[in-house]
Protein backbone atom coordinates (compact mmCIF):
# COMPACT_ATOMS: atom_id res chain seq x y z
CA UNK A 1 -44.90 -31.78 133.43
CA UNK A 2 -41.35 -31.94 132.11
CA UNK A 3 -40.28 -33.95 135.17
CA UNK A 4 -42.96 -36.61 134.52
CA UNK A 5 -42.10 -36.79 130.80
CA UNK A 6 -38.42 -37.14 131.66
CA UNK A 7 -39.19 -40.02 134.05
CA UNK A 8 -41.22 -41.80 131.33
CA UNK A 9 -38.38 -41.45 128.83
CA UNK A 10 -35.81 -42.67 131.36
CA UNK A 11 -37.84 -45.73 132.35
CA UNK A 12 -38.62 -46.62 128.71
CA UNK A 13 -34.97 -47.03 127.78
CA UNK A 14 -35.32 -44.63 124.83
CA UNK A 15 -32.80 -42.10 126.06
CA UNK A 16 -29.75 -44.19 125.19
CA UNK A 17 -30.67 -44.17 121.48
CA UNK A 18 -30.59 -40.39 121.07
CA UNK A 19 -27.87 -37.75 121.08
CA UNK A 20 -30.32 -35.32 122.66
CA UNK A 21 -33.89 -35.20 123.90
CA UNK A 22 -36.03 -32.06 124.01
CA UNK A 23 -39.17 -32.07 126.14
CA UNK A 24 -41.55 -29.39 124.95
CA UNK A 25 -44.35 -27.82 126.93
CA UNK A 26 -45.26 -25.25 124.30
CA UNK A 27 -48.68 -25.20 122.65
CA UNK A 28 -46.90 -24.60 119.34
CA UNK A 29 -44.71 -27.68 119.13
CA UNK A 30 -44.53 -27.61 115.33
CA UNK A 31 -42.97 -24.16 115.30
CA UNK A 32 -40.58 -25.09 118.12
CA UNK A 33 -39.44 -28.26 116.31
CA UNK A 34 -38.97 -26.24 113.12
CA UNK A 35 -36.67 -23.79 114.94
CA UNK A 36 -34.68 -26.66 116.49
CA UNK A 37 -34.18 -28.69 113.30
CA UNK A 38 -34.77 -26.50 110.23
CA UNK A 39 -31.06 -26.24 109.36
CA UNK A 40 -30.06 -29.57 110.81
CA UNK A 41 -28.93 -32.64 108.93
CA UNK A 42 -29.70 -34.77 112.00
CA UNK A 43 -32.54 -37.25 112.07
CA UNK A 44 -35.30 -36.08 114.39
CA UNK A 45 -38.13 -38.10 115.91
CA UNK A 46 -41.14 -36.49 117.57
CA UNK A 47 -43.46 -38.48 119.84
CA UNK A 48 -46.80 -37.29 121.23
CA UNK A 49 -50.13 -38.79 122.16
CA UNK A 50 -52.36 -36.11 120.59
CA UNK A 51 -53.23 -36.54 116.92
CA UNK A 52 -53.62 -32.79 116.40
CA UNK A 53 -50.12 -32.11 117.76
CA UNK A 54 -48.57 -34.91 115.68
CA UNK A 55 -50.28 -33.56 112.56
CA UNK A 56 -49.12 -30.00 113.31
CA UNK A 57 -45.50 -31.09 113.72
CA UNK A 58 -45.55 -33.14 110.50
CA UNK A 59 -47.11 -30.19 108.64
CA UNK A 60 -44.49 -27.73 109.94
CA UNK A 61 -41.48 -30.05 109.66
CA UNK A 62 -42.19 -32.82 107.12
CA UNK A 63 -38.68 -34.32 107.38
CA UNK A 64 -39.14 -35.17 111.09
CA UNK A 65 -40.35 -38.68 111.89
CA UNK A 66 -43.53 -38.37 113.94
CA UNK A 67 -44.98 -41.10 116.12
CA UNK A 68 -48.31 -40.95 117.85
CA UNK A 69 -48.75 -42.92 121.06
CA UNK A 70 -52.39 -44.03 121.02
CA UNK A 71 -53.17 -45.94 124.20
CA UNK A 72 -56.96 -45.78 124.24
CA UNK A 73 -59.48 -47.32 121.85
CA UNK A 74 -61.49 -44.72 120.01
CA UNK A 75 -58.82 -42.06 120.50
CA UNK A 76 -58.33 -39.70 117.54
CA UNK A 77 -55.54 -40.95 115.32
CA UNK A 78 -53.20 -38.87 113.24
CA UNK A 79 -53.48 -39.00 109.48
CA UNK A 80 -49.92 -37.73 109.07
CA UNK A 81 -47.98 -39.83 111.59
CA UNK A 82 -45.20 -42.00 110.29
CA UNK A 83 -46.24 -44.58 112.86
CA UNK A 84 -48.93 -45.03 115.50
CA UNK A 85 -47.82 -47.04 118.52
CA UNK A 86 -49.67 -48.26 121.60
CA UNK A 87 -46.77 -47.39 123.92
CA UNK A 88 -43.15 -46.21 124.00
CA UNK A 89 -41.80 -49.75 123.77
CA UNK A 90 -43.67 -50.34 120.52
CA UNK A 91 -42.41 -46.98 119.24
CA UNK A 92 -38.86 -48.06 120.08
CA UNK A 93 -39.30 -51.32 118.14
CA UNK A 94 -40.50 -49.36 115.10
CA UNK A 95 -37.53 -46.98 115.35
CA UNK A 96 -35.12 -49.92 115.47
CA UNK A 97 -36.71 -51.46 112.35
CA UNK A 98 -36.54 -48.13 110.52
CA UNK A 99 -32.89 -47.64 111.49
CA UNK A 100 -32.01 -50.94 109.77
CA UNK A 101 -33.48 -49.83 106.44
């Protein structure tokens, strides 16, 4: 649910690093991200735990950074993700490193 996702983001400390956060519940996240950012010069980061969703978003919007959260061993991993993290904190560390480049 959006409420649960919002609570996870709030407790992770990620919110303070972004100008805006969009929580999507659509089955077509790639198309939704494309509509949100196709004409934008802003940097966008997409985070999801499903490899198929991460791959779809990267296919639809290649300029968006995509991170897969892969918590379980043996879980399908994205072949298109910019980074695969075990949790949101690890994703945040990667984003900080990338921002310094």
